[in-house]
C-alpha atoms as a PDB file:
ATOM      1  CA  MET A   1       5.779 -20.240  -7.493  1.00  0.00           C
ATOM      2  CA  SER A   2       3.235 -22.422  -5.606  1.00  0.00           C
ATOM      3  CA  GLN A   3       1.481 -21.392  -2.393  1.00  0.00           C
ATOM      4  CA  ALA A   4       3.301 -24.103  -0.615  1.00  0.00           C
ATOM      5  CA  LYS A   5       6.728 -22.781  -1.663  1.00  0.00           C
ATOM      6  CA  LYS A   6       5.725 -19.300  -0.923  1.00  0.00           C
ATOM      7  CA  ILE A   7       4.966 -20.550   2.763  1.00  0.00           C
ATOM      8  CA  HIS A   8       8.285 -22.312   2.959  1.00  0.00           C
ATOM      9  CA  GLN A   9      10.151 -19.026   1.711  1.00  0.00           C
ATOM     10  CA  ALA A  10       8.235 -17.131   4.341  1.00  0.00           C
ATOM     11  CA  LEU A  11       9.312 -19.837   6.949  1.00  0.00           C
ATOM     12  CA  LYS A  12      12.894 -19.462   5.936  1.00  0.00           C
ATOM     13  CA  LEU A  13      12.723 -15.531   6.462  1.00  0.00           C
ATOM     14  CA  ALA A  14      10.896 -16.027   9.733  1.00  0.00           C
ATOM     15  CA  LEU A  15      13.974 -18.362  10.983  1.00  0.00           C
ATOM     16  CA  LYS A  16      16.453 -15.612   9.705  1.00  0.00           C
ATOM     17  CA  GLN A  17      14.498 -12.941  11.568  1.00  0.00           C
ATOM     18  CA  LYS A  18      14.630 -15.018  14.875  1.00  0.00           C
ATOM     19  CA  THR A  19      18.417 -15.802  13.993  1.00  0.00           C
ATOM     20  CA  LYS A  20      17.573 -19.553  13.868  1.00  0.00           C
ATOM     21  CA  ASN A  21      19.064 -22.225  11.362  1.00  0.00           C
ATOM     22  CA  TYR A  22      18.296 -25.461  10.104  1.00  0.00           C
ATOM     23  CA  ARG A  23      20.076 -27.327  12.877  1.00  0.00           C
ATOM     24  CA  ASP A  24      17.684 -25.607  15.359  1.00  0.00           C
ATOM     25  CA  VAL A  25      14.696 -26.626  13.349  1.00  0.00           C
ATOM     26  CA  ALA A  26      16.101 -30.065  13.272  1.00  0.00           C
ATOM     27  CA  GLU A  27      16.208 -30.130  17.025  1.00  0.00           C
ATOM     28  CA  CYS A  28      12.707 -28.690  17.315  1.00  0.00           C
ATOM     29  CA  LEU A  29      11.177 -31.514  15.017  1.00  0.00           C
ATOM     30  CA  ASN A  30      13.432 -34.233  16.104  1.00  0.00           C
ATOM     31  CA  LEU A  31      14.864 -34.545  12.639  1.00  0.00           C
ATOM     32  CA  SER A  32      18.252 -34.870  11.098  1.00  0.00           C
ATOM     33  CA  GLU A  33      19.625 -31.422   9.549  1.00  0.00           C
ATOM     34  CA  ALA A  34      19.812 -33.058   6.255  1.00  0.00           C
ATOM     35  CA  SER A  35      16.175 -33.966   6.434  1.00  0.00           C
ATOM     36  CA  VAL A  36      15.160 -30.399   7.292  1.00  0.00           C
ATOM     37  CA  LYS A  37      17.156 -29.230   4.454  1.00  0.00           C
ATOM     38  CA  ARG A  38      15.542 -31.692   2.014  1.00  0.00           C
ATOM     39  CA  LEU A  39      11.954 -30.640   3.286  1.00  0.00           C
ATOM     40  CA  PHE A  40      12.820 -26.988   2.843  1.00  0.00           C
ATOM     41  CA  ALA A  41      14.151 -27.650  -0.824  1.00  0.00           C
ATOM     42  CA  THR A  42      10.999 -29.639  -1.729  1.00  0.00           C
ATOM     43  CA  ALA A  43       8.491 -27.525   0.214  1.00  0.00           C
ATOM     44  CA  GLY A  44       7.660 -30.792   1.881  1.00  0.00           C
ATOM     45  CA  PHE A  45       6.654 -29.711   5.633  1.00  0.00           C
ATOM     46  CA  THR A  46       3.263 -30.653   6.638  1.00  0.00           C
ATOM     47  CA  LEU A  47       0.989 -28.209   8.046  1.00  0.00           C
ATOM     48  CA  LYS A  48       1.375 -29.976  11.484  1.00  0.00           C
ATOM     49  CA  ARG A  49       5.142 -29.348  11.430  1.00  0.00           C
ATOM     50  CA  ILE A  50       4.840 -25.862  10.082  1.00  0.00           C
ATOM     51  CA  ASP A  51       2.549 -25.072  13.041  1.00  0.00           C
ATOM     52  CA  LYS A  52       5.054 -26.737  15.416  1.00  0.00           C
ATOM     53  CA  ILE A  53       7.557 -24.443  14.035  1.00  0.00           C
ATOM     54  CA  CYS A  54       5.724 -21.350  14.194  1.00  0.00           C
ATOM     55  CA  GLU A  55       4.779 -22.063  17.772  1.00  0.00           C
ATOM     56  CA  TRP A  56       8.524 -22.624  18.506  1.00  0.00           C
ATOM     57  CA  LEU A  57       9.322 -19.259  16.846  1.00  0.00           C
ATOM     58  CA  GLY A  58       6.665 -17.428  18.798  1.00  0.00           C
ATOM     59  CA  ILE A  59       4.535 -16.581  15.789  1.00  0.00           C
ATOM     60  CA  ASP A  60       1.093 -17.797  14.669  1.00  0.00           C
ATOM     61  CA  PHE A  61       0.209 -19.259  11.113  1.00  0.00           C
ATOM     62  CA  VAL A  62      -1.781 -16.079  10.216  1.00  0.00           C
ATOM     63  CA  GLY A  63       1.417 -13.978  11.073  1.00  0.00           C
ATOM     64  CA  LEU A  64       3.360 -16.363   8.592  1.00  0.00           C
ATOM     65  CA  VAL A  65       0.953 -15.806   5.981  1.00  0.00           C
ATOM     66  CA  GLU A  66       1.311 -12.071   6.184  1.00  0.00           C
ATOM     67  CA  LEU A  67       4.943 -12.418   6.124  1.00  0.00           C
ATOM     68  CA  MET A  68       4.618 -14.466   2.893  1.00  0.00           C
ATOM     69  CA  GLU A  69       2.395 -11.845   1.416  1.00  0.00           C
ATOM     70  CA  GLN A  70       5.006  -9.135   2.328  1.00  0.00           C
ATOM     71  CA  GLN A  71       7.523 -10.901   0.212  1.00  0.00           C
ATOM     72  CA  GLN A  72       5.326 -10.917  -3.080  1.00  0.00           C
ATOM     73  CA  PRO A  73       6.343  -8.288  -5.745  1.00  0.00           C
ATOM     74  CA  LYS A  74       4.076  -5.363  -5.393  1.00  0.00           C
ATOM     75  CA  LEU A  75       2.742  -2.925  -7.965  1.00  0.00           C
ATOM     76  CA  ASN A  76       4.114   0.542  -7.006  1.00  0.00           C
ATOM     77  CA  GLU A  77       3.032   2.571 -10.083  1.00  0.00           C
ATOM     78  CA  LEU A  78       0.406   2.169 -12.917  1.00  0.00           C
ATOM     79  CA  SER A  79       1.413   2.900 -16.588  1.00  0.00           C
ATOM     80  CA  HIS A  80       0.239   5.871 -18.299  1.00  0.00           C
ATOM     81  CA  ALA A  81      -2.437   4.078 -20.128  1.00  0.00           C
ATOM     82  CA  GLN A  82      -3.630   2.519 -17.070  1.00  0.00           C
ATOM     83  CA  GLU A  83      -4.066   5.744 -15.278  1.00  0.00           C
ATOM     84  CA  GLN A  84      -5.905   7.234 -18.443  1.00  0.00           C
ATOM     85  CA  GLN A  85      -8.040   4.368 -17.992  1.00  0.00           C
ATOM     86  CA  LEU A  86      -9.056   5.189 -14.664  1.00  0.00           C
ATOM     87  CA  ILE A  87      -9.600   8.760 -15.817  1.00  0.00           C
ATOM     88  CA  ASP A  88     -11.676   7.775 -18.522  1.00  0.00           C
ATOM     89  CA  ASP A  89     -14.035   5.893 -16.261  1.00  0.00           C
ATOM     90  CA  SER A  90     -15.284   7.833 -13.238  1.00  0.00           C
ATOM     91  CA  MET A  91     -16.975   4.814 -11.637  1.00  0.00           C
ATOM     92  CA  LEU A  92     -13.880   2.753 -12.269  1.00  0.00           C
ATOM     93  CA  LEU A  93     -11.706   5.420 -10.427  1.00  0.00           C
ATOM     94  CA  LEU A  94     -14.088   5.613  -7.643  1.00  0.00           C
ATOM     95  CA  VAL A  95     -13.824   1.856  -7.063  1.00  0.00           C
ATOM     96  CA  ALA A  96     -10.061   1.906  -7.405  1.00  0.00           C
ATOM     97  CA  ILE A  97      -9.657   4.775  -4.855  1.00  0.00           C
ATOM     98  CA  SER A  98     -12.153   2.886  -2.394  1.00  0.00           C
ATOM     99  CA  ALA A  99      -9.965  -0.170  -2.923  1.00  0.00           C
ATOM    100  CA  LEU A 100      -6.787   1.634  -2.434  1.00  0.00           C
ATOM    101  CA  ASN A 101      -8.197   2.750   0.869  1.00  0.00           C
ATOM    102  CA  TYR A 102      -9.005  -0.739   1.906  1.00  0.00           C
ATOM    103  CA  TRP A 103     -12.735  -0.750   1.380  1.00  0.00           C
ATOM    104  CA  GLN A 104     -14.331  -3.994   1.119  1.00  0.00           C
ATOM    105  CA  PHE A 105     -17.288  -4.946  -1.429  1.00  0.00           C
ATOM    106  CA  ASP A 106     -20.066  -4.426   0.937  1.00  0.00           C
ATOM    107  CA  GLU A 107     -18.774  -1.185   2.191  1.00  0.00           C
ATOM    108  CA  ILE A 108     -18.575   0.208  -1.336  1.00  0.00           C
ATOM    109  CA  LEU A 109     -22.024  -0.901  -2.070  1.00  0.00           C
ATOM    110  CA  ARG A 110     -23.426   0.751   1.144  1.00  0.00           C
ATOM    111  CA  HIS A 111     -21.669   4.033   0.274  1.00  0.00           C
ATOM    112  CA  TYR A 112     -22.304   4.483  -3.374  1.00  0.00           C
ATOM    113  CA  GLU A 113     -24.943   4.313  -5.962  1.00  0.00           C
ATOM    114  CA  LEU A 114     -24.078   1.352  -7.956  1.00  0.00           C
ATOM    115  CA  SER A 115     -25.253  -2.078  -8.169  1.00  0.00           C
ATOM    116  CA  ALA A 116     -23.296  -5.460  -7.217  1.00  0.00           C
ATOM    117  CA  THR A 117     -23.129  -6.518 -10.851  1.00  0.00           C
ATOM    118  CA  VAL A 118     -21.334  -3.289 -11.909  1.00  0.00           C
ATOM    119  CA  LEU A 119     -19.187  -3.209  -8.850  1.00  0.00           C
ATOM    120  CA  ILE A 120     -18.060  -6.753  -9.817  1.00  0.00           C
ATOM    121  CA  GLN A 121     -17.393  -5.646 -13.354  1.00  0.00           C
ATOM    122  CA  LYS A 122     -15.168  -2.717 -12.208  1.00  0.00           C
ATOM    123  CA  LEU A 123     -13.349  -4.894  -9.695  1.00  0.00           C
ATOM    124  CA  ALA A 124     -12.650  -7.435 -12.171  1.00  0.00           C
ATOM    125  CA  THR A 125     -11.104  -4.666 -14.430  1.00  0.00           C
ATOM    126  CA  LEU A 126      -8.979  -3.845 -11.532  1.00  0.00           C
ATOM    127  CA  ASP A 127      -7.838  -7.281 -11.252  1.00  0.00           C
ATOM    128  CA  ARG A 128      -6.805  -7.516 -14.788  1.00  0.00           C
ATOM    129  CA  MET A 129      -4.815  -4.182 -14.047  1.00  0.00           C
ATOM    130  CA  GLY A 130      -2.947  -5.809 -11.403  1.00  0.00           C
ATOM    131  CA  ILE A 131      -4.180  -3.375  -8.682  1.00  0.00           C
ATOM    132  CA  LEU A 132      -5.945  -6.152  -6.624  1.00  0.00           C
ATOM    133  CA  GLU A 133      -7.271  -9.594  -6.605  1.00  0.00           C
ATOM    134  CA  LEU A 134     -11.033 -10.301  -6.597  1.00  0.00           C
ATOM    135  CA  LEU A 135     -11.325 -13.459  -4.346  1.00  0.00           C
ATOM    136  CA  PRO A 136     -14.281 -15.786  -3.772  1.00  0.00           C
ATOM    137  CA  GLY A 137     -16.973 -14.165  -1.898  1.00  0.00           C
ATOM    138  CA  ASN A 138     -16.193 -10.921  -3.402  1.00  0.00           C
ATOM    139  CA  ARG A 139     -13.321 -10.325  -1.133  1.00  0.00           C
ATOM    140  CA  ILE A 140     -10.936  -7.592  -2.260  1.00  0.00           C
ATOM    141  CA  LYS A 141      -7.077  -8.289  -1.730  1.00  0.00           C
ATOM    142  CA  LEU A 142      -4.728  -5.218  -2.734  1.00  0.00           C
ATOM    143  CA  ILE A 143      -1.533  -6.224  -4.471  1.00  0.00           C
ATOM    144  CA  VAL A 144       0.032  -2.950  -4.567  1.00  0.00           C
ATOM    145  CA  GLY A 145       2.759  -1.810  -2.337  1.00  0.00           C
ATOM    146  CA  ASN A 146       2.490   0.521   0.668  1.00  0.00           C
ATOM    147  CA  ASN A 147       4.627   2.950  -1.178  1.00  0.00           C
ATOM    148  CA  PHE A 148       2.225   2.855  -4.183  1.00  0.00           C
ATOM    149  CA  LYS A 149       2.058   6.433  -5.863  1.00  0.00           C
ATOM    150  CA  TRP A 150       0.751   7.996  -9.058  1.00  0.00           C
ATOM    151  CA  GLN A 151       2.828   8.822 -11.997  1.00  0.00           C
ATOM    152  CA  ALA A 152       4.592  12.245 -11.698  1.00  0.00           C
ATOM    153  CA  ARG A 153       2.812  14.430 -14.158  1.00  0.00           C
ATOM    154  CA  GLY A 154       0.679  11.547 -15.202  1.00  0.00           C
ATOM    155  CA  PRO A 155      -3.036  11.499 -15.993  1.00  0.00           C
ATOM    156  CA  ILE A 156      -4.094  11.123 -12.255  1.00  0.00           C
ATOM    157  CA  GLN A 157      -1.969  14.076 -11.042  1.00  0.00           C
ATOM    158  CA  THR A 158      -3.067  16.005 -14.204  1.00  0.00           C
ATOM    159  CA  TYR A 159      -6.703  15.511 -13.102  1.00  0.00           C
ATOM    160  CA  PHE A 160      -6.022  16.554  -9.609  1.00  0.00           C
ATOM    161  CA  ARG A 161      -4.412  19.854 -10.720  1.00  0.00           C
ATOM    162  CA  SER A 162      -7.306  20.646 -13.293  1.00  0.00           C
ATOM    163  CA  ARG A 163     -10.222  19.359 -11.346  1.00  0.00           C
ATOM    164  CA  VAL A 164      -9.651  18.872  -7.697  1.00  0.00           C
ATOM    165  CA  GLU A 165      -7.094  21.338  -6.795  1.00  0.00           C
ATOM    166  CA  GLN A 166      -9.299  24.356  -6.499  1.00  0.00           C
ATOM    167  CA  GLU A 167     -11.980  22.300  -4.713  1.00  0.00           C
ATOM    168  CA  PHE A 168      -9.311  21.210  -2.186  1.00  0.00           C
ATOM    169  CA  PHE A 169      -7.881  24.537  -1.295  1.00  0.00           C
ATOM    170  CA  HIS A 170     -11.348  26.304  -1.303  1.00  0.00           C
ATOM    171  CA  HIS A 171     -11.369  25.723   2.428  1.00  0.00           C
ATOM    172  CA  ASP A 172     -10.170  27.889   5.350  1.00  0.00           C
ATOM    173  CA  PHE A 173      -8.102  25.152   7.106  1.00  0.00           C
ATOM    174  CA  ASN A 174      -9.282  26.487  10.295  1.00  0.00           C
ATOM    175  CA  ASP A 175     -10.867  23.410  11.952  1.00  0.00           C
ATOM    176  CA  ASP A 176      -9.657  20.642  14.101  1.00  0.00           C
ATOM    177  CA  SER A 177      -9.216  18.168  11.194  1.00  0.00           C
ATOM    178  CA  SER A 178      -7.160  20.385   8.875  1.00  0.00           C
ATOM    179  CA  GLU A 179      -3.917  22.295   8.666  1.00  0.00           C
ATOM    180  CA  MET A 180      -2.205  24.503   6.097  1.00  0.00           C
ATOM    181  CA  VAL A 181       1.211  25.960   6.464  1.00  0.00           C
ATOM    182  CA  CYS A 182       2.808  28.233   4.142  1.00  0.00           C
ATOM    183  CA  LEU A 183       6.523  29.139   4.726  1.00  0.00           C
ATOM    184  CA  ASN A 184       9.093  31.276   2.887  1.00  0.00           C
ATOM    185  CA  GLY A 185      12.771  31.475   3.429  1.00  0.00           C
ATOM    186  CA  MET A 186      16.264  31.398   1.705  1.00  0.00           C
ATOM    187  CA  MET A 187      17.606  27.858   1.457  1.00  0.00           C
ATOM    188  CA  THR A 188      21.045  26.193   0.237  1.00  0.00           C
ATOM    189  CA  ASP A 189      20.940  23.247  -1.970  1.00  0.00           C
ATOM    190  CA  ASP A 190      21.754  21.046   1.181  1.00  0.00           C
ATOM    191  CA  ALA A 191      18.885  22.479   3.389  1.00  0.00           C
ATOM    192  CA  LEU A 192      16.607  21.738   0.521  1.00  0.00           C
ATOM    193  CA  ALA A 193      17.586  18.250   0.199  1.00  0.00           C
ATOM    194  CA  GLN A 194      17.095  17.706   3.964  1.00  0.00           C
ATOM    195  CA  LEU A 195      13.549  19.252   3.599  1.00  0.00           C
ATOM    196  CA  MET A 196      12.754  16.957   0.775  1.00  0.00           C
ATOM    197  CA  GLN A 197      13.989  13.980   2.678  1.00  0.00           C
ATOM    198  CA  ALA A 198      11.629  14.960   5.673  1.00  0.00           C
ATOM    199  CA  LEU A 199       8.664  15.274   3.159  1.00  0.00           C
ATOM    200  CA  GLU A 200       9.489  11.848   1.983  1.00  0.00           C
ATOM    201  CA  LYS A 201       9.600  10.371   5.387  1.00  0.00           C
ATOM    202  CA  LEU A 202       6.112  12.113   6.084  1.00  0.00           C
ATOM    203  CA  SER A 203       4.576  10.494   3.053  1.00  0.00           C
ATOM    204  CA  GLU A 204       5.842   7.132   4.135  1.00  0.00           C
ATOM    205  CA  GLN A 205       4.331   7.575   7.605  1.00  0.00           C
ATOM    206  CA  PHE A 206       1.025   8.562   5.911  1.00  0.00           C
ATOM    207  CA  ASN A 207       0.939   5.483   3.799  1.00  0.00           C
ATOM    208  CA  GLU A 208       1.932   3.175   6.868  1.00  0.00           C
ATOM    209  CA  LEU A 209      -0.846   4.598   9.130  1.00  0.00           C
ATOM    210  CA  ASN A 210      -3.365   3.876   6.235  1.00  0.00           C
ATOM    211  CA  HIS A 211      -2.095   0.367   6.038  1.00  0.00           C
ATOM    212  CA  VAL A 212      -2.058  -0.233   9.691  1.00  0.00           C
ATOM    213  CA  GLN A 213      -5.394   1.077  10.259  1.00  0.00           C
ATOM    214  CA  ARG A 214      -7.108  -0.754   7.366  1.00  0.00           C
ATOM    215  CA  LYS A 215      -8.767  -3.279   9.640  1.00  0.00           C
ATOM    216  CA  LEU A 216     -10.489  -0.716  11.827  1.00  0.00           C
ATOM    217  CA  PRO A 217     -14.230  -0.241  11.292  1.00  0.00           C
ATOM    218  CA  ILE A 218     -14.900   2.127   8.253  1.00  0.00           C
ATOM    219  CA  ALA A 219     -17.029   4.315  10.434  1.00  0.00           C
ATOM    220  CA  ASP A 220     -13.789   5.294  12.478  1.00  0.00           C
ATOM    221  CA  ARG A 221     -11.877   6.043   9.490  1.00  0.00           C
ATOM    222  CA  HIS A 222     -12.435   9.192   7.569  1.00  0.00           C
ATOM    223  CA  GLY A 223     -11.299  10.258   3.876  1.00  0.00           C
ATOM    224  CA  THR A 224      -7.963  12.245   4.458  1.00  0.00           C
ATOM    225  CA  THR A 225      -5.755  13.881   1.678  1.00  0.00           C
ATOM    226  CA  LEU A 226      -2.240  15.278   2.330  1.00  0.00           C
ATOM    227  CA  VAL A 227      -0.801  17.501  -0.145  1.00  0.00           C
ATOM    228  CA  LEU A 228       3.120  17.968   0.164  1.00  0.00           C
ATOM    229  CA  ALA A 229       4.729  20.739  -1.975  1.00  0.00           C
ATOM    230  CA  LEU A 230       8.256  22.196  -2.035  1.00  0.00           C
ATOM    231  CA  ARG A 231       9.787  24.111  -4.530  1.00  0.00           C
ATOM    232  CA  ARG A 232      12.140  27.088  -5.524  1.00  0.00           C
ATOM    233  CA  TRP A 233       9.646  29.694  -6.150  1.00  0.00           C
ATOM    234  CA  GLN A 234       8.910  33.461  -5.870  1.00  0.00           C
ATOM    235  CA  PHE A 235       5.556  35.046  -6.064  1.00  0.00           C
ATOM    236  CA  SER A 236       5.047  36.272  -9.709  1.00  0.00           C
ATOM    237  CA  ALA A 237       3.756  39.702  -8.758  1.00  0.00           C
ATOM    238  CA  PHE A 238       7.121  40.381  -7.326  1.00  0.00           C
ATOM    239  CA  ALA A 239       8.918  39.608 -10.704  1.00  0.00           C
ATOM    240  CA  ASP A 240       8.645  43.183 -11.986  1.00  0.00           C
ATOM    241  CA  PHE A 241      10.475  44.558  -9.153  1.00  0.00           C
ATOM    242  CA  ARG A 242      13.656  42.326  -9.639  1.00  0.00           C
ATOM    243  CA  LYS A 243      16.816  43.868 -11.177  1.00  0.00           C
END
C-alpha cells in the first residue's frame, strides 16, 4: 500500500473516532458527497485538503501520521532462528536492545565502544530482520508492536536464565529504585487466573510507559528490568516431609 493510501486510511479512522462521515467532510470542503467518496477511494485528497480536514477534526498532520503508523502491522515476536541470531552476536543483541528501548544512532555511539560503520551494519541486519527501519540520516524507526515479547523458552529467555538471572538477583533490593516481593499462599484455579490477568496488565503498563517516554532525553531514562513470575510451587527442601 502506498503512503498516500495509508494516509487516507488513517484519515478514515480519524473520522470514525470523531463520529464524522463523508457527508460531514463534504460540507467541510464544500464538495459533493460523491466527490468525497471518490477522493477517498482514489487517495486523491491534496495535502491542502487533508490539512483542512485535520484542522476541522482538531488534530494536526503529525497526529494523523502517528495514527497511520499505529495501523501498520507490527512484529510482536521474532522467530526462534532470529532470536538465536541475536544470541550468537553479542554486539547485534546490544544494538537490538538499545533500539527496542528507543535509543537513536548518536545515543548508541556515545554510550558504547563501536564505530559508526559497525553500528550501521548491525542496524542494517536488524532492518532485514524486520525489527526496525534504518532511515536516511541513520534515523531508527521501530516497527515492532508495543506488546513485543521474546519467545517463551526461546533463545533469549534461555540466555536470560543461564547468564543474566544470577546477576539480576545478586542484589539486596533495598534501595529506592528496586523492589522484590515474595509471597506464598493457597490459591484456587480462579484466584490464580485473576492474578495472572493482573500480571498481564502490569506488563502492558510497563510497555506503554516505555513507549510513551521514548521521546524524553536519554539522560532522564534509566535501564529498568521488571521480572514477573507466578507458578504453583513449593520449596524443594519441604518435599521430604510430604506424605
